[in-house]
Amino acid sequence: MSYLIYRCDCGRVLYSKEDTKTKRCTCGKTLNVRKRRILKIADSADAATQAVQDMQEEIYGGSIFRTADQL
């Protein structure tokens, strides 16, 4: 199964399974996944997670994803 990576109107990068119809962003907006512009496609959930983290860091700069022991 493939995972689609796309952005919400608020700027957050999201991913979902390719057969997902809608997804709710943390900003509260419900997105129709099939009408979004797909930025990347990942083969696994782990690859999709890493791609989303990389894109978020590229957009907002710096390393914002850390584990608790790194704080």
PDB file of N, CA and C in Angstrom:
ATOM      1  N   MET A   1       0.834  -1.178   0.000  1.00  0.00           N
ATOM      2  CA  MET A   1       0.000   0.000   0.000  1.00  0.00           C
ATOM      3  C   MET A   1       0.882   1.246   0.000  1.00  0.00           C
ATOM      4  N   SER A   2       0.494   2.225  -0.755  1.00  0.00           N
ATOM      5  CA  SER A   2       1.240   3.478  -0.852  1.00  0.00           C
ATOM      6  C   SER A   2       0.611   4.530   0.061  1.00  0.00           C
ATOM      7  N   TYR A   3       1.425   5.495   0.425  1.00  0.00           N
ATOM      8  CA  TYR A   3       0.989   6.608   1.257  1.00  0.00           C
ATOM      9  C   TYR A   3       1.200   7.907   0.483  1.00  0.00           C
ATOM     10  N   LEU A   4       0.182   8.767   0.482  1.00  0.00           N
ATOM     11  CA  LEU A   4       0.230  10.038  -0.230  1.00  0.00           C
ATOM     12  C   LEU A   4       0.629  11.142   0.738  1.00  0.00           C
ATOM     13  N   ILE A   5       1.508  12.020   0.295  1.00  0.00           N
ATOM     14  CA  ILE A   5       1.979  13.129   1.122  1.00  0.00           C
ATOM     15  C   ILE A   5       1.528  14.423   0.454  1.00  0.00           C
ATOM     16  N   TYR A   6       0.875  15.277   1.225  1.00  0.00           N
ATOM     17  CA  TYR A   6       0.284  16.508   0.703  1.00  0.00           C
ATOM     18  C   TYR A   6       0.261  17.556   1.800  1.00  0.00           C
ATOM     19  N   ARG A   7      -0.138  18.783   1.442  1.00  0.00           N
ATOM     20  CA  ARG A   7      -0.178  19.870   2.422  1.00  0.00           C
ATOM     21  C   ARG A   7      -1.600  20.355   2.630  1.00  0.00           C
ATOM     22  N   CYS A   8      -1.856  20.783   3.847  1.00  0.00           N
ATOM     23  CA  CYS A   8      -3.116  21.451   4.184  1.00  0.00           C
ATOM     24  C   CYS A   8      -2.984  22.917   3.784  1.00  0.00           C
ATOM     25  N   ASP A   9      -4.090  23.616   3.746  1.00  0.00           N
ATOM     26  CA  ASP A   9      -4.060  25.045   3.447  1.00  0.00           C
ATOM     27  C   ASP A   9      -3.331  25.839   4.525  1.00  0.00           C
ATOM     28  N   CYS A  10      -3.255  25.294   5.742  1.00  0.00           N
ATOM     29  CA  CYS A  10      -2.560  25.980   6.834  1.00  0.00           C
ATOM     30  C   CYS A  10      -1.041  25.824   6.712  1.00  0.00           C
ATOM     31  N   GLY A  11      -0.574  24.920   5.839  1.00  0.00           N
ATOM     32  CA  GLY A  11       0.851  24.745   5.628  1.00  0.00           C
ATOM     33  C   GLY A  11       1.406  23.447   6.175  1.00  0.00           C
ATOM     34  N   ARG A  12       0.651  22.761   7.029  1.00  0.00           N
ATOM     35  CA  ARG A  12       1.127  21.515   7.618  1.00  0.00           C
ATOM     36  C   ARG A  12       1.172  20.420   6.554  1.00  0.00           C
ATOM     37  N   VAL A  13       2.231  19.626   6.599  1.00  0.00           N
ATOM     38  CA  VAL A  13       2.383  18.499   5.677  1.00  0.00           C
ATOM     39  C   VAL A  13       1.760  17.276   6.335  1.00  0.00           C
ATOM     40  N   LEU A  14       0.941  16.551   5.574  1.00  0.00           N
ATOM     41  CA  LEU A  14       0.219  15.388   6.081  1.00  0.00           C
ATOM     42  C   LEU A  14       0.443  14.194   5.171  1.00  0.00           C
ATOM     43  N   TYR A  15       0.118  13.015   5.685  1.00  0.00           N
ATOM     44  CA  TYR A  15       0.116  11.825   4.829  1.00  0.00           C
ATOM     45  C   TYR A  15      -1.059  10.947   5.198  1.00  0.00           C
ATOM     46  N   SER A  16      -1.485  10.139   4.241  1.00  0.00           N
ATOM     47  CA  SER A  16      -2.553   9.178   4.478  1.00  0.00           C
ATOM     48  C   SER A  16      -2.435   8.054   3.456  1.00  0.00           C
ATOM     49  N   LYS A  17      -3.108   6.950   3.741  1.00  0.00           N
ATOM     50  CA  LYS A  17      -3.115   5.825   2.804  1.00  0.00           C
ATOM     51  C   LYS A  17      -3.769   6.263   1.504  1.00  0.00           C
ATOM     52  N   GLU A  18      -3.377   5.636   0.408  1.00  0.00           N
ATOM     53  CA  GLU A  18      -3.861   6.051  -0.901  1.00  0.00           C
ATOM     54  C   GLU A  18      -5.371   5.889  -1.068  1.00  0.00           C
ATOM     55  N   ASP A  19      -6.014   5.019  -0.304  1.00  0.00           N
ATOM     56  CA  ASP A  19      -7.454   4.833  -0.443  1.00  0.00           C
ATOM     57  C   ASP A  19      -8.280   5.702   0.503  1.00  0.00           C
ATOM     58  N   THR A  20      -7.635   6.595   1.254  1.00  0.00           N
ATOM     59  CA  THR A  20      -8.327   7.499   2.169  1.00  0.00           C
ATOM     60  C   THR A  20      -9.047   8.582   1.382  1.00  0.00           C
ATOM     61  N   LYS A  21     -10.290   8.861   1.756  1.00  0.00           N
ATOM     62  CA  LYS A  21     -11.068   9.882   1.055  1.00  0.00           C
ATOM     63  C   LYS A  21     -10.909  11.262   1.686  1.00  0.00           C
ATOM     64  N   THR A  22     -11.013  11.327   3.018  1.00  0.00           N
ATOM     65  CA  THR A  22     -10.873  12.613   3.712  1.00  0.00           C
ATOM     66  C   THR A  22      -9.947  12.454   4.912  1.00  0.00           C
ATOM     67  N   LYS A  23      -9.358  13.572   5.295  1.00  0.00           N
ATOM     68  CA  LYS A  23      -8.466  13.586   6.465  1.00  0.00           C
ATOM     69  C   LYS A  23      -8.649  14.921   7.168  1.00  0.00           C
ATOM     70  N   ARG A  24      -8.642  14.898   8.492  1.00  0.00           N
ATOM     71  CA  ARG A  24      -8.756  16.126   9.270  1.00  0.00           C
ATOM     72  C   ARG A  24      -7.369  16.552   9.726  1.00  0.00           C
ATOM     73  N   CYS A  25      -7.025  17.793   9.427  1.00  0.00           N
ATOM     74  CA  CYS A  25      -5.747  18.376   9.855  1.00  0.00           C
ATOM     75  C   CYS A  25      -5.874  18.811  11.310  1.00  0.00           C
ATOM     76  N   THR A  26      -4.754  19.017  11.958  1.00  0.00           N
ATOM     77  CA  THR A  26      -4.779  19.483  13.348  1.00  0.00           C
ATOM     78  C   THR A  26      -5.327  20.902  13.467  1.00  0.00           C
ATOM     79  N   CYS A  27      -5.348  21.642  12.363  1.00  0.00           N
ATOM     80  CA  CYS A  27      -5.920  22.990  12.383  1.00  0.00           C
ATOM     81  C   CYS A  27      -7.449  22.949  12.409  1.00  0.00           C
ATOM     82  N   GLY A  28      -8.029  21.758  12.149  1.00  0.00           N
ATOM     83  CA  GLY A  28      -9.477  21.612  12.186  1.00  0.00           C
ATOM     84  C   GLY A  28     -10.123  21.475  10.821  1.00  0.00           C
ATOM     85  N   LYS A  29      -9.397  21.737   9.777  1.00  0.00           N
ATOM     86  CA  LYS A  29      -9.954  21.667   8.424  1.00  0.00           C
ATOM     87  C   LYS A  29     -10.037  20.208   7.968  1.00  0.00           C
ATOM     88  N   THR A  30     -11.148  19.848   7.335  1.00  0.00           N
ATOM     89  CA  THR A  30     -11.301  18.518   6.752  1.00  0.00           C
ATOM     90  C   THR A  30     -10.929  18.607   5.277  1.00  0.00           C
ATOM     91  N   LEU A  31      -9.989  17.761   4.867  1.00  0.00           N
ATOM     92  CA  LEU A  31      -9.460  17.811   3.505  1.00  0.00           C
ATOM     93  C   LEU A  31      -9.970  16.639   2.679  1.00  0.00           C
ATOM     94  N   ASN A  32     -10.339  16.909   1.443  1.00  0.00           N
ATOM     95  CA  ASN A  32     -10.657  15.858   0.491  1.00  0.00           C
ATOM     96  C   ASN A  32      -9.331  15.444  -0.141  1.00  0.00           C
ATOM     97  N   VAL A  33      -8.806  14.297   0.247  1.00  0.00           N
ATOM     98  CA  VAL A  33      -7.469  13.860  -0.155  1.00  0.00           C
ATOM     99  C   VAL A  33      -7.363  13.748  -1.671  1.00  0.00           C
ATOM    100  N   ARG A  34      -8.398  13.307  -2.321  1.00  0.00           N
ATOM    101  CA  ARG A  34      -8.354  13.094  -3.779  1.00  0.00           C
ATOM    102  C   ARG A  34      -8.248  14.396  -4.573  1.00  0.00           C
ATOM    103  N   LYS A  35      -8.572  15.516  -3.936  1.00  0.00           N
ATOM    104  CA  LYS A  35      -8.487  16.802  -4.625  1.00  0.00           C
ATOM    105  C   LYS A  35      -7.223  17.581  -4.266  1.00  0.00           C
ATOM    106  N   ARG A  36      -6.381  17.023  -3.380  1.00  0.00           N
ATOM    107  CA  ARG A  36      -5.142  17.687  -2.982  1.00  0.00           C
ATOM    108  C   ARG A  36      -4.044  17.419  -4.001  1.00  0.00           C
ATOM    109  N   ARG A  37      -3.106  18.342  -4.103  1.00  0.00           N
ATOM    110  CA  ARG A  37      -1.935  18.128  -4.941  1.00  0.00           C
ATOM    111  C   ARG A  37      -0.974  17.237  -4.169  1.00  0.00           C
ATOM    112  N   ILE A  38      -0.623  16.108  -4.746  1.00  0.00           N
ATOM    113  CA  ILE A  38       0.242  15.137  -4.087  1.00  0.00           C
ATOM    114  C   ILE A  38       1.696  15.554  -4.292  1.00  0.00           C
ATOM    115  N   LEU A  39       2.423  15.706  -3.183  1.00  0.00           N
ATOM    116  CA  LEU A  39       3.820  16.134  -3.247  1.00  0.00           C
ATOM    117  C   LEU A  39       4.768  14.961  -3.395  1.00  0.00           C
ATOM    118  N   LYS A  40       4.472  13.858  -2.703  1.00  0.00           N
ATOM    119  CA  LYS A  40       5.305  12.659  -2.750  1.00  0.00           C
ATOM    120  C   LYS A  40       4.433  11.446  -2.518  1.00  0.00           C
ATOM    121  N   ILE A  41       4.986  10.285  -2.873  1.00  0.00           N
ATOM    122  CA  ILE A  41       4.348   9.007  -2.574  1.00  0.00           C
ATOM    123  C   ILE A  41       5.385   8.140  -1.880  1.00  0.00           C
ATOM    124  N   ALA A  42       4.989   7.547  -0.753  1.00  0.00           N
ATOM    125  CA  ALA A  42       5.891   6.686   0.018  1.00  0.00           C
ATOM    126  C   ALA A  42       5.347   5.260   0.019  1.00  0.00           C
ATOM    127  N   ASP A  43       6.254   4.294   0.141  1.00  0.00           N
ATOM    128  CA  ASP A  43       5.866   2.888   0.118  1.00  0.00           C
ATOM    129  C   ASP A  43       5.450   2.348   1.477  1.00  0.00           C
ATOM    130  N   SER A  44       5.866   3.009   2.559  1.00  0.00           N
ATOM    131  CA  SER A  44       5.532   2.521   3.900  1.00  0.00           C
ATOM    132  C   SER A  44       5.191   3.702   4.803  1.00  0.00           C
ATOM    133  N   ALA A  45       4.564   3.390   5.926  1.00  0.00           N
ATOM    134  CA  ALA A  45       4.215   4.435   6.888  1.00  0.00           C
ATOM    135  C   ALA A  45       5.472   5.079   7.469  1.00  0.00           C
ATOM    136  N   ASP A  46       6.517   4.279   7.689  1.00  0.00           N
ATOM    137  CA  ASP A  46       7.772   4.829   8.214  1.00  0.00           C
ATOM    138  C   ASP A  46       8.399   5.809   7.229  1.00  0.00           C
ATOM    139  N   ALA A  47       8.399   5.452   5.954  1.00  0.00           N
ATOM    140  CA  ALA A  47       8.952   6.347   4.925  1.00  0.00           C
ATOM    141  C   ALA A  47       8.117   7.615   4.813  1.00  0.00           C
ATOM    142  N   ALA A  48       6.801   7.491   4.928  1.00  0.00           N
ATOM    143  CA  ALA A  48       5.917   8.658   4.865  1.00  0.00           C
ATOM    144  C   ALA A  48       6.149   9.577   6.058  1.00  0.00           C
ATOM    145  N   THR A  49       6.299   8.991   7.235  1.00  0.00           N
ATOM    146  CA  THR A  49       6.566   9.778   8.444  1.00  0.00           C
ATOM    147  C   THR A  49       7.867  10.557   8.306  1.00  0.00           C
ATOM    148  N   GLN A  50       8.906   9.888   7.830  1.00  0.00           N
ATOM    149  CA  GLN A  50      10.197  10.550   7.662  1.00  0.00           C
ATOM    150  C   GLN A  50      10.116  11.663   6.620  1.00  0.00           C
ATOM    151  N   ALA A  51       9.401  11.423   5.530  1.00  0.00           N
ATOM    152  CA  ALA A  51       9.251  12.446   4.484  1.00  0.00           C
ATOM    153  C   ALA A  51       8.504  13.658   5.015  1.00  0.00           C
ATOM    154  N   VAL A  52       7.461  13.439   5.802  1.00  0.00           N
ATOM    155  CA  VAL A  52       6.705  14.545   6.390  1.00  0.00           C
ATOM    156  C   VAL A  52       7.598  15.343   7.337  1.00  0.00           C
ATOM    157  N   GLN A  53       8.364  14.661   8.177  1.00  0.00           N
ATOM    158  CA  GLN A  53       9.263  15.360   9.100  1.00  0.00           C
ATOM    159  C   GLN A  53      10.299  16.173   8.343  1.00  0.00           C
ATOM    160  N   ASP A  54      10.874  15.600   7.290  1.00  0.00           N
ATOM    161  CA  ASP A  54      11.877  16.313   6.496  1.00  0.00           C
ATOM    162  C   ASP A  54      11.275  17.549   5.837  1.00  0.00           C
ATOM    163  N   MET A  55      10.064  17.418   5.300  1.00  0.00           N
ATOM    164  CA  MET A  55       9.423  18.549   4.633  1.00  0.00           C
ATOM    165  C   MET A  55       9.042  19.633   5.637  1.00  0.00           C
ATOM    166  N   GLN A  56       8.557  19.251   6.819  1.00  0.00           N
ATOM    167  CA  GLN A  56       8.216  20.234   7.852  1.00  0.00           C
ATOM    168  C   GLN A  56       9.459  21.003   8.297  1.00  0.00           C
ATOM    169  N   GLU A  57      10.581  20.293   8.466  1.00  0.00           N
ATOM    170  CA  GLU A  57      11.815  20.957   8.870  1.00  0.00           C
ATOM    171  C   GLU A  57      12.329  21.875   7.767  1.00  0.00           C
ATOM    172  N   GLU A  58      12.144  21.480   6.523  1.00  0.00           N
ATOM    173  CA  GLU A  58      12.561  22.326   5.401  1.00  0.00           C
ATOM    174  C   GLU A  58      11.726  23.602   5.355  1.00  0.00           C
ATOM    175  N   ILE A  59      10.439  23.481   5.615  1.00  0.00           N
ATOM    176  CA  ILE A  59       9.537  24.639   5.572  1.00  0.00           C
ATOM    177  C   ILE A  59       9.799  25.577   6.746  1.00  0.00           C
ATOM    178  N   TYR A  60       9.881  25.019   7.950  1.00  0.00           N
ATOM    179  CA  TYR A  60       9.973  25.843   9.152  1.00  0.00           C
ATOM    180  C   TYR A  60      11.383  26.001   9.688  1.00  0.00           C
ATOM    181  N   GLY A  61      12.343  25.295   9.117  1.00  0.00           N
ATOM    182  CA  GLY A  61      13.733  25.436   9.517  1.00  0.00           C
ATOM    183  C   GLY A  61      14.041  24.763  10.840  1.00  0.00           C
ATOM    184  N   GLY A  62      15.290  24.336  10.964  1.00  0.00           N
ATOM    185  CA  GLY A  62      15.719  23.725  12.217  1.00  0.00           C
ATOM    186  C   GLY A  62      15.143  22.344  12.430  1.00  0.00           C
ATOM    187  N   SER A  63      15.609  21.716  13.449  1.00  0.00           N
ATOM    188  CA  SER A  63      15.139  20.381  13.802  1.00  0.00           C
ATOM    189  C   SER A  63      14.036  20.516  14.845  1.00  0.00           C
ATOM    190  N   ILE A  64      12.795  20.388  14.424  1.00  0.00           N
ATOM    191  CA  ILE A  64      11.680  20.549  15.346  1.00  0.00           C
ATOM    192  C   ILE A  64      11.172  19.216  15.872  1.00  0.00           C
ATOM    193  N   PHE A  65      11.611  18.114  15.268  1.00  0.00           N
ATOM    194  CA  PHE A  65      11.182  16.800  15.721  1.00  0.00           C
ATOM    195  C   PHE A  65      12.283  16.188  16.572  1.00  0.00           C
ATOM    196  N   ARG A  66      12.013  16.052  17.863  1.00  0.00           N
ATOM    197  CA  ARG A  66      12.991  15.522  18.793  1.00  0.00           C
ATOM    198  C   ARG A  66      12.308  14.548  19.746  1.00  0.00           C
ATOM    199  N   THR A  67      13.099  13.673  20.301  1.00  0.00           N
ATOM    200  CA  THR A  67      12.579  12.810  21.358  1.00  0.00           C
ATOM    201  C   THR A  67      12.795  13.528  22.689  1.00  0.00           C
ATOM    202  N   ALA A  68      12.128  13.068  23.719  1.00  0.00           N
ATOM    203  CA  ALA A  68      12.164  13.747  25.020  1.00  0.00           C
ATOM    204  C   ALA A  68      13.579  13.798  25.595  1.00  0.00           C
ATOM    205  N   ASP A  69      14.397  12.790  25.333  1.00  0.00           N
ATOM    206  CA  ASP A  69      15.757  12.799  25.891  1.00  0.00           C
ATOM    207  C   ASP A  69      16.679  13.787  25.187  1.00  0.00           C
ATOM    208  N   GLN A  70      16.243  14.349  24.063  1.00  0.00           N
ATOM    209  CA  GLN A  70      17.063  15.334  23.340  1.00  0.00           C
ATOM    210  C   GLN A  70      16.772  16.764  23.773  1.00  0.00           C
ATOM    211  N   LEU A  71      15.760  16.960  24.604  1.00  0.00           N
ATOM    212  CA  LEU A  71      15.395  18.312  25.039  1.00  0.00           C
ATOM    213  C   LEU A  71      16.266  18.794  26.169  1.00  0.00           C
TER     214      LEU A  71
END
